[in-house]
Amino acid sequence: MDKLLSPDYLDLTYRADLDLLVGRWMRNPALAEMQQGYNLMLNAATTCGCMRWLIDARRRDHTNQNGIPWMMEVFYPQLASRLQGRVHLAFLLAPVHLQALEADTSLLPLSYFDTLPYQIGRFLEEQAAIAWLDSHCPMRKGEMVRL
C-alpha cells in the first residue's frame, strides 16, 4: 500500500495488491478543494495506470451539488484520454447521501454511464464496492492479491 501525498481533507492511497486507487474524503471539501482532490486522484491514477477507483465520500454531505456540473463536463471526460481505457469509479456514500442522490431526478441514472469510457457505481459498504469493481474491471493481468 502506497500512501500518496495529499492535502489534509483527502487521504489518497494506491493499493498495488488490488490495483486500486483509494481516495477517502476526510471532511466535506469546498468546491475548489473537491476539484483539486479529484485532479490529484487523476494524476495518481495516471502515474499508476490504475483504472479501478474507490472513492469514500461517507464523510461528505450532499451540499456539494454545485460540483456535479464540473464533474460531468470537465473531470469525467478527461478520464479516458488520460488513462487510455475504461475507468471504474466505486463511490462509498453515507445512507442519507445515497438516498438523496437516488431521489434527485435532475441527475442522470447510473445506466447513462454504461456506454461511456467511465462507469460509476454507488455503494454503502466497501465490500460491495470492491466486488463490483472486481466484476466490472478485473485487475490487470500479472497482478496478484497479496494477503
N, C-alpha and C. Protein backbone atom coordinates (compact mmCIF):
# COMPACT_ATOMS: atom_id res chain seq x y z
N MET A 1 0.85 -1.17 0.00
CA MET A 1 0.00 0.00 0.00
C MET A 1 0.90 1.23 0.00
N ASP A 2 0.67 2.10 -0.97
CA ASP A 2 1.47 3.31 -1.09
C ASP A 2 0.62 4.52 -0.76
N LYS A 3 0.93 5.16 0.36
CA LYS A 3 0.26 6.40 0.75
C LYS A 3 0.80 7.50 -0.13
N LEU A 4 -0.09 8.25 -0.76
CA LEU A 4 0.32 9.30 -1.69
C LEU A 4 0.17 10.67 -1.05
N LEU A 5 0.99 11.58 -1.49
CA LEU A 5 0.94 12.94 -0.97
C LEU A 5 -0.42 13.55 -1.31
N SER A 6 -1.10 14.05 -0.28
CA SER A 6 -2.43 14.64 -0.49
C SER A 6 -2.71 15.63 0.63
N PRO A 7 -3.64 16.55 0.39
CA PRO A 7 -3.98 17.55 1.42
C PRO A 7 -4.71 16.91 2.59
N ASP A 8 -4.89 17.68 3.67
CA ASP A 8 -5.49 17.14 4.88
C ASP A 8 -6.94 16.68 4.71
N TYR A 9 -7.62 17.15 3.70
CA TYR A 9 -9.04 16.78 3.51
C TYR A 9 -9.21 15.53 2.65
N LEU A 10 -8.10 14.93 2.17
CA LEU A 10 -8.18 13.77 1.31
C LEU A 10 -7.05 12.80 1.65
N ASP A 11 -7.41 11.56 1.94
CA ASP A 11 -6.42 10.51 2.16
C ASP A 11 -6.35 9.72 0.86
N LEU A 12 -5.19 9.72 0.22
CA LEU A 12 -5.03 9.11 -1.09
C LEU A 12 -4.00 7.99 -1.01
N THR A 13 -4.42 6.80 -1.46
CA THR A 13 -3.57 5.61 -1.38
C THR A 13 -3.70 4.81 -2.67
N TYR A 14 -2.59 4.25 -3.10
CA TYR A 14 -2.64 3.28 -4.20
C TYR A 14 -2.35 1.91 -3.63
N ARG A 15 -3.29 0.99 -3.82
CA ARG A 15 -3.14 -0.39 -3.36
C ARG A 15 -2.69 -1.24 -4.54
N ALA A 16 -1.39 -1.42 -4.69
CA ALA A 16 -0.86 -2.21 -5.80
C ALA A 16 -1.36 -3.65 -5.74
N ASP A 17 -1.55 -4.17 -4.51
CA ASP A 17 -2.01 -5.55 -4.36
C ASP A 17 -3.41 -5.76 -4.91
N LEU A 18 -4.21 -4.70 -4.96
CA LEU A 18 -5.57 -4.77 -5.50
C LEU A 18 -5.71 -3.98 -6.81
N ASP A 19 -4.63 -3.38 -7.26
CA ASP A 19 -4.65 -2.47 -8.41
C ASP A 19 -5.81 -1.48 -8.23
N LEU A 20 -5.77 -0.74 -7.11
CA LEU A 20 -6.89 0.09 -6.69
C LEU A 20 -6.38 1.42 -6.15
N LEU A 21 -6.95 2.50 -6.69
CA LEU A 21 -6.70 3.82 -6.16
C LEU A 21 -7.81 4.12 -5.16
N VAL A 22 -7.43 4.47 -3.94
CA VAL A 22 -8.40 4.75 -2.88
C VAL A 22 -8.29 6.21 -2.48
N GLY A 23 -9.38 6.93 -2.64
CA GLY A 23 -9.45 8.31 -2.19
C GLY A 23 -10.51 8.43 -1.12
N ARG A 24 -10.09 8.81 0.08
CA ARG A 24 -11.04 8.95 1.20
C ARG A 24 -11.12 10.42 1.59
N TRP A 25 -12.30 10.99 1.37
CA TRP A 25 -12.52 12.37 1.78
C TRP A 25 -12.60 12.40 3.30
N MET A 26 -11.79 13.24 3.92
CA MET A 26 -11.72 13.29 5.38
C MET A 26 -12.73 14.28 5.97
N ARG A 27 -13.25 15.14 5.13
CA ARG A 27 -14.27 16.10 5.54
C ARG A 27 -14.96 16.60 4.28
N ASN A 28 -15.98 17.41 4.45
CA ASN A 28 -16.67 17.99 3.30
C ASN A 28 -15.78 19.09 2.71
N PRO A 29 -15.32 18.94 1.47
CA PRO A 29 -14.44 19.94 0.89
C PRO A 29 -15.22 21.11 0.27
N ALA A 30 -14.57 22.25 0.21
CA ALA A 30 -15.10 23.36 -0.59
C ALA A 30 -14.98 22.96 -2.06
N LEU A 31 -15.67 23.65 -2.94
CA LEU A 31 -15.66 23.30 -4.36
C LEU A 31 -14.23 23.26 -4.92
N ALA A 32 -13.42 24.25 -4.63
CA ALA A 32 -12.04 24.27 -5.13
C ALA A 32 -11.24 23.09 -4.59
N GLU A 33 -11.48 22.72 -3.33
CA GLU A 33 -10.79 21.57 -2.74
C GLU A 33 -11.25 20.28 -3.41
N MET A 34 -12.54 20.18 -3.68
CA MET A 34 -13.07 18.99 -4.36
C MET A 34 -12.41 18.84 -5.73
N GLN A 35 -12.33 19.92 -6.47
CA GLN A 35 -11.71 19.87 -7.79
C GLN A 35 -10.24 19.49 -7.68
N GLN A 36 -9.53 20.09 -6.73
CA GLN A 36 -8.13 19.76 -6.54
C GLN A 36 -7.97 18.29 -6.15
N GLY A 37 -8.84 17.80 -5.26
CA GLY A 37 -8.76 16.41 -4.83
C GLY A 37 -8.97 15.43 -5.97
N TYR A 38 -9.98 15.68 -6.80
CA TYR A 38 -10.20 14.78 -7.93
C TYR A 38 -9.07 14.86 -8.94
N ASN A 39 -8.49 16.04 -9.14
CA ASN A 39 -7.34 16.15 -10.03
C ASN A 39 -6.13 15.40 -9.47
N LEU A 40 -5.96 15.42 -8.15
CA LEU A 40 -4.89 14.63 -7.52
C LEU A 40 -5.12 13.14 -7.75
N MET A 41 -6.37 12.70 -7.61
CA MET A 41 -6.69 11.29 -7.87
C MET A 41 -6.37 10.92 -9.31
N LEU A 42 -6.74 11.79 -10.25
CA LEU A 42 -6.48 11.51 -11.66
C LEU A 42 -4.98 11.46 -11.94
N ASN A 43 -4.23 12.37 -11.38
CA ASN A 43 -2.78 12.36 -11.57
C ASN A 43 -2.16 11.08 -10.99
N ALA A 44 -2.61 10.67 -9.82
CA ALA A 44 -2.10 9.44 -9.20
C ALA A 44 -2.46 8.23 -10.05
N ALA A 45 -3.71 8.18 -10.51
CA ALA A 45 -4.15 7.05 -11.33
C ALA A 45 -3.36 7.00 -12.64
N THR A 46 -3.07 8.15 -13.21
CA THR A 46 -2.29 8.21 -14.44
C THR A 46 -0.88 7.66 -14.20
N THR A 47 -0.28 8.05 -13.10
CA THR A 47 1.07 7.57 -12.75
C THR A 47 1.08 6.06 -12.56
N CYS A 48 0.05 5.54 -11.88
CA CYS A 48 -0.02 4.10 -11.57
C CYS A 48 -0.65 3.29 -12.70
N GLY A 49 -1.29 3.95 -13.66
CA GLY A 49 -2.02 3.24 -14.71
C GLY A 49 -3.23 2.52 -14.14
N CYS A 50 -3.86 3.10 -13.14
CA CYS A 50 -4.93 2.44 -12.40
C CYS A 50 -6.31 2.82 -12.95
N MET A 51 -7.09 1.82 -13.29
CA MET A 51 -8.43 2.01 -13.85
C MET A 51 -9.53 1.73 -12.83
N ARG A 52 -9.15 1.33 -11.63
CA ARG A 52 -10.10 0.95 -10.58
C ARG A 52 -9.96 1.92 -9.42
N TRP A 53 -11.04 2.64 -9.13
CA TRP A 53 -11.01 3.66 -8.08
C TRP A 53 -12.08 3.36 -7.04
N LEU A 54 -11.72 3.54 -5.80
CA LEU A 54 -12.67 3.50 -4.69
C LEU A 54 -12.65 4.89 -4.05
N ILE A 55 -13.77 5.58 -4.10
CA ILE A 55 -13.86 6.94 -3.58
C ILE A 55 -14.81 6.93 -2.39
N ASP A 56 -14.24 7.13 -1.23
CA ASP A 56 -15.01 7.10 0.02
C ASP A 56 -15.47 8.52 0.34
N ALA A 57 -16.74 8.77 0.09
CA ALA A 57 -17.32 10.10 0.32
C ALA A 57 -18.27 10.09 1.51
N ARG A 58 -18.13 9.10 2.39
CA ARG A 58 -19.07 8.99 3.51
C ARG A 58 -18.94 10.13 4.50
N ARG A 59 -17.81 10.80 4.54
CA ARG A 59 -17.65 11.94 5.47
C ARG A 59 -18.13 13.25 4.85
N ARG A 60 -18.51 13.19 3.60
CA ARG A 60 -19.02 14.38 2.92
C ARG A 60 -20.53 14.43 3.08
N ASP A 61 -21.09 15.60 2.88
CA ASP A 61 -22.54 15.68 2.86
C ASP A 61 -22.99 15.99 1.44
N HIS A 62 -24.25 16.19 1.27
CA HIS A 62 -24.81 16.35 -0.08
C HIS A 62 -24.86 17.82 -0.51
N THR A 63 -24.15 18.69 0.19
CA THR A 63 -24.22 20.11 -0.13
C THR A 63 -23.32 20.50 -1.29
N ASN A 64 -22.51 19.59 -1.78
CA ASN A 64 -21.57 19.93 -2.85
C ASN A 64 -22.15 19.64 -4.23
N GLN A 65 -23.45 19.76 -4.38
CA GLN A 65 -24.07 19.50 -5.68
C GLN A 65 -23.60 20.46 -6.75
N ASN A 66 -23.12 21.63 -6.36
CA ASN A 66 -22.62 22.56 -7.36
C ASN A 66 -21.36 22.03 -8.04
N GLY A 67 -20.77 20.97 -7.53
CA GLY A 67 -19.62 20.35 -8.17
C GLY A 67 -20.00 19.35 -9.25
N ILE A 68 -21.25 18.96 -9.31
CA ILE A 68 -21.68 17.94 -10.28
C ILE A 68 -21.46 18.41 -11.72
N PRO A 69 -21.82 19.64 -12.09
CA PRO A 69 -21.55 20.06 -13.48
C PRO A 69 -20.05 19.99 -13.82
N TRP A 70 -19.19 20.38 -12.90
CA TRP A 70 -17.75 20.30 -13.15
C TRP A 70 -17.33 18.84 -13.36
N MET A 71 -17.85 17.95 -12.52
CA MET A 71 -17.51 16.53 -12.67
C MET A 71 -17.94 16.01 -14.05
N MET A 72 -19.16 16.32 -14.44
CA MET A 72 -19.72 15.81 -15.70
C MET A 72 -19.06 16.45 -16.93
N GLU A 73 -18.82 17.74 -16.87
CA GLU A 73 -18.35 18.46 -18.06
C GLU A 73 -16.83 18.54 -18.18
N VAL A 74 -16.14 18.51 -17.06
CA VAL A 74 -14.68 18.71 -17.09
C VAL A 74 -13.93 17.45 -16.66
N PHE A 75 -14.27 16.95 -15.47
CA PHE A 75 -13.46 15.87 -14.89
C PHE A 75 -13.64 14.53 -15.61
N TYR A 76 -14.86 14.02 -15.65
CA TYR A 76 -15.08 12.69 -16.24
C TYR A 76 -14.57 12.58 -17.68
N PRO A 77 -14.78 13.60 -18.53
CA PRO A 77 -14.28 13.46 -19.90
C PRO A 77 -12.75 13.31 -20.00
N GLN A 78 -12.01 13.71 -19.00
CA GLN A 78 -10.55 13.56 -19.02
C GLN A 78 -10.09 12.14 -18.75
N LEU A 79 -10.94 11.34 -18.11
CA LEU A 79 -10.50 10.03 -17.64
C LEU A 79 -9.98 9.14 -18.75
N ALA A 80 -10.77 8.95 -19.80
CA ALA A 80 -10.37 8.02 -20.86
C ALA A 80 -9.11 8.48 -21.58
N SER A 81 -9.02 9.77 -21.87
CA SER A 81 -7.84 10.24 -22.60
C SER A 81 -6.58 10.16 -21.74
N ARG A 82 -6.70 10.45 -20.47
CA ARG A 82 -5.52 10.41 -19.59
C ARG A 82 -5.13 8.98 -19.22
N LEU A 83 -6.12 8.09 -19.09
CA LEU A 83 -5.83 6.74 -18.60
C LEU A 83 -5.86 5.68 -19.70
N GLN A 84 -6.19 6.07 -20.90
CA GLN A 84 -6.15 5.16 -22.05
C GLN A 84 -7.00 3.90 -21.86
N GLY A 85 -8.22 4.08 -21.39
CA GLY A 85 -9.12 2.94 -21.24
C GLY A 85 -10.30 3.29 -20.36
N ARG A 86 -11.13 2.30 -20.10
CA ARG A 86 -12.35 2.50 -19.32
C ARG A 86 -12.04 2.47 -17.83
N VAL A 87 -12.48 3.51 -17.15
CA VAL A 87 -12.23 3.67 -15.72
C VAL A 87 -13.51 3.33 -14.96
N HIS A 88 -13.35 2.65 -13.84
CA HIS A 88 -14.48 2.29 -12.98
C HIS A 88 -14.31 2.98 -11.64
N LEU A 89 -15.33 3.77 -11.27
CA LEU A 89 -15.30 4.53 -10.03
C LEU A 89 -16.41 4.03 -9.11
N ALA A 90 -16.02 3.48 -7.99
CA ALA A 90 -16.98 3.00 -6.99
C ALA A 90 -17.01 4.03 -5.86
N PHE A 91 -18.16 4.66 -5.69
CA PHE A 91 -18.34 5.68 -4.66
C PHE A 91 -18.97 5.07 -3.43
N LEU A 92 -18.34 5.23 -2.28
CA LEU A 92 -18.93 4.85 -0.99
C LEU A 92 -19.63 6.08 -0.43
N LEU A 93 -20.90 5.92 -0.10
CA LEU A 93 -21.70 7.05 0.36
C LEU A 93 -22.41 6.72 1.66
N ALA A 94 -22.67 7.75 2.43
CA ALA A 94 -23.50 7.59 3.63
C ALA A 94 -24.93 7.31 3.17
N PRO A 95 -25.70 6.55 3.95
CA PRO A 95 -27.07 6.20 3.54
C PRO A 95 -27.92 7.42 3.17
N VAL A 96 -27.86 8.47 3.94
CA VAL A 96 -28.68 9.65 3.65
C VAL A 96 -28.25 10.32 2.35
N HIS A 97 -26.95 10.30 2.06
CA HIS A 97 -26.43 10.88 0.83
C HIS A 97 -26.86 10.04 -0.38
N LEU A 98 -26.77 8.72 -0.25
CA LEU A 98 -27.19 7.85 -1.34
C LEU A 98 -28.68 8.01 -1.63
N GLN A 99 -29.49 8.09 -0.59
CA GLN A 99 -30.93 8.30 -0.77
C GLN A 99 -31.20 9.61 -1.49
N ALA A 100 -30.49 10.66 -1.12
CA ALA A 100 -30.68 11.96 -1.76
C ALA A 100 -30.30 11.90 -3.24
N LEU A 101 -29.20 11.22 -3.56
CA LEU A 101 -28.80 11.09 -4.96
C LEU A 101 -29.82 10.30 -5.76
N GLU A 102 -30.30 9.21 -5.18
CA GLU A 102 -31.28 8.38 -5.90
C GLU A 102 -32.62 9.08 -6.08
N ALA A 103 -32.94 10.00 -5.18
CA ALA A 103 -34.21 10.73 -5.28
C ALA A 103 -34.10 11.96 -6.18
N ASP A 104 -32.89 12.38 -6.50
CA ASP A 104 -32.68 13.60 -7.29
C ASP A 104 -32.94 13.31 -8.77
N THR A 105 -34.08 13.74 -9.26
CA THR A 105 -34.46 13.47 -10.65
C THR A 105 -33.67 14.31 -11.65
N SER A 106 -32.92 15.29 -11.17
CA SER A 106 -32.11 16.09 -12.09
C SER A 106 -30.81 15.39 -12.47
N LEU A 107 -30.44 14.34 -11.73
CA LEU A 107 -29.22 13.59 -12.03
C LEU A 107 -29.49 12.49 -13.04
N LEU A 108 -28.49 12.21 -13.84
CA LEU A 108 -28.61 11.13 -14.81
C LEU A 108 -28.60 9.78 -14.07
N PRO A 109 -29.35 8.80 -14.57
CA PRO A 109 -29.29 7.47 -13.93
C PRO A 109 -27.93 6.83 -14.18
N LEU A 110 -27.54 5.92 -13.31
CA LEU A 110 -26.24 5.26 -13.47
C LEU A 110 -26.12 4.54 -14.81
N SER A 111 -27.24 4.08 -15.36
CA SER A 111 -27.21 3.39 -16.65
C SER A 111 -26.70 4.31 -17.77
N TYR A 112 -26.78 5.62 -17.59
CA TYR A 112 -26.28 6.57 -18.57
C TYR A 112 -24.79 6.34 -18.84
N PHE A 113 -24.06 5.91 -17.84
CA PHE A 113 -22.61 5.76 -17.94
C PHE A 113 -22.19 4.44 -18.58
N ASP A 114 -23.15 3.53 -18.82
CA ASP A 114 -22.82 2.20 -19.31
C ASP A 114 -22.03 2.19 -20.62
N THR A 115 -22.27 3.15 -21.49
CA THR A 115 -21.58 3.16 -22.79
C THR A 115 -20.44 4.18 -22.85
N LEU A 116 -20.20 4.85 -21.76
CA LEU A 116 -19.14 5.85 -21.72
C LEU A 116 -17.81 5.21 -21.30
N PRO A 117 -16.70 5.90 -21.48
CA PRO A 117 -15.41 5.32 -21.12
C PRO A 117 -15.14 5.33 -19.62
N TYR A 118 -16.15 5.61 -18.83
CA TYR A 118 -16.04 5.51 -17.39
C TYR A 118 -17.38 5.01 -16.87
N GLN A 119 -17.32 4.21 -15.85
CA GLN A 119 -18.53 3.66 -15.25
C GLN A 119 -18.53 3.98 -13.77
N ILE A 120 -19.71 4.27 -13.26
CA ILE A 120 -19.86 4.69 -11.87
C ILE A 120 -20.79 3.75 -11.13
N GLY A 121 -20.40 3.41 -9.91
CA GLY A 121 -21.25 2.64 -9.01
C GLY A 121 -21.34 3.37 -7.68
N ARG A 122 -22.48 3.22 -7.01
CA ARG A 122 -22.68 3.86 -5.70
C ARG A 122 -22.97 2.76 -4.69
N PHE A 123 -22.31 2.86 -3.52
CA PHE A 123 -22.38 1.79 -2.54
C PHE A 123 -22.41 2.33 -1.12
N LEU A 124 -22.96 1.52 -0.23
CA LEU A 124 -22.95 1.84 1.20
C LEU A 124 -21.81 1.14 1.91
N GLU A 125 -21.36 0.00 1.36
CA GLU A 125 -20.34 -0.82 2.02
C GLU A 125 -19.15 -1.05 1.11
N GLU A 126 -17.97 -1.01 1.70
CA GLU A 126 -16.74 -1.16 0.94
C GLU A 126 -16.64 -2.53 0.27
N GLN A 127 -17.07 -3.57 0.94
CA GLN A 127 -17.00 -4.91 0.37
C GLN A 127 -17.82 -5.01 -0.92
N ALA A 128 -19.01 -4.42 -0.93
CA ALA A 128 -19.85 -4.42 -2.13
C ALA A 128 -19.20 -3.62 -3.26
N ALA A 129 -18.55 -2.52 -2.91
CA ALA A 129 -17.87 -1.69 -3.91
C ALA A 129 -16.71 -2.46 -4.55
N ILE A 130 -15.93 -3.15 -3.73
CA ILE A 130 -14.80 -3.93 -4.25
C ILE A 130 -15.31 -5.07 -5.12
N ALA A 131 -16.37 -5.74 -4.70
CA ALA A 131 -16.95 -6.82 -5.51
C ALA A 131 -17.42 -6.29 -6.87
N TRP A 132 -18.02 -5.11 -6.88
CA TRP A 132 -18.47 -4.50 -8.14
C TRP A 132 -17.27 -4.21 -9.03
N LEU A 133 -16.22 -3.63 -8.45
CA LEU A 133 -15.02 -3.36 -9.23
C LEU A 133 -14.43 -4.64 -9.79
N ASP A 134 -14.36 -5.69 -8.97
CA ASP A 134 -13.81 -6.97 -9.43
C ASP A 134 -14.62 -7.55 -10.58
N SER A 135 -15.95 -7.39 -10.53
CA SER A 135 -16.79 -7.98 -11.57
C SER A 135 -16.82 -7.14 -12.85
N HIS A 136 -16.62 -5.84 -12.73
CA HIS A 136 -16.69 -4.97 -13.90
C HIS A 136 -15.33 -4.58 -14.46
N CYS A 137 -14.33 -4.65 -13.64
CA CYS A 137 -12.99 -4.20 -14.05
C CYS A 137 -11.95 -5.05 -13.33
N PRO A 138 -11.70 -6.25 -13.84
CA PRO A 138 -10.73 -7.12 -13.17
C PRO A 138 -9.36 -6.48 -13.09
N MET A 139 -8.57 -6.95 -12.13
CA MET A 139 -7.20 -6.46 -12.00
C MET A 139 -6.45 -6.78 -13.29
N ARG A 140 -5.42 -5.98 -13.55
CA ARG A 140 -4.62 -6.21 -14.74
C ARG A 140 -3.95 -7.56 -14.67
N LYS A 141 -3.75 -8.17 -15.85
CA LYS A 141 -3.04 -9.45 -15.92
C LYS A 141 -1.67 -9.31 -15.26
N GLY A 142 -1.29 -10.34 -14.54
CA GLY A 142 0.00 -10.33 -13.87
C GLY A 142 -0.06 -9.76 -12.47
N GLU A 143 -1.18 -9.13 -12.12
CA GLU A 143 -1.33 -8.60 -10.75
C GLU A 143 -1.86 -9.73 -9.87
N MET A 144 -1.38 -9.78 -8.67
CA MET A 144 -1.85 -10.78 -7.72
C MET A 144 -2.21 -10.09 -6.42
N VAL A 145 -3.25 -10.57 -5.80
CA VAL A 145 -3.62 -10.03 -4.50
C VAL A 145 -2.71 -10.66 -3.46
N ARG A 146 -2.06 -9.84 -2.68
CA ARG A 146 -1.22 -10.32 -1.59
C ARG A 146 -2.02 -10.26 -0.30
N LEU A 147 -2.03 -11.34 0.42
CA LEU A 147 -2.79 -11.38 1.67
C LEU A 147 -1.90 -11.05 2.84
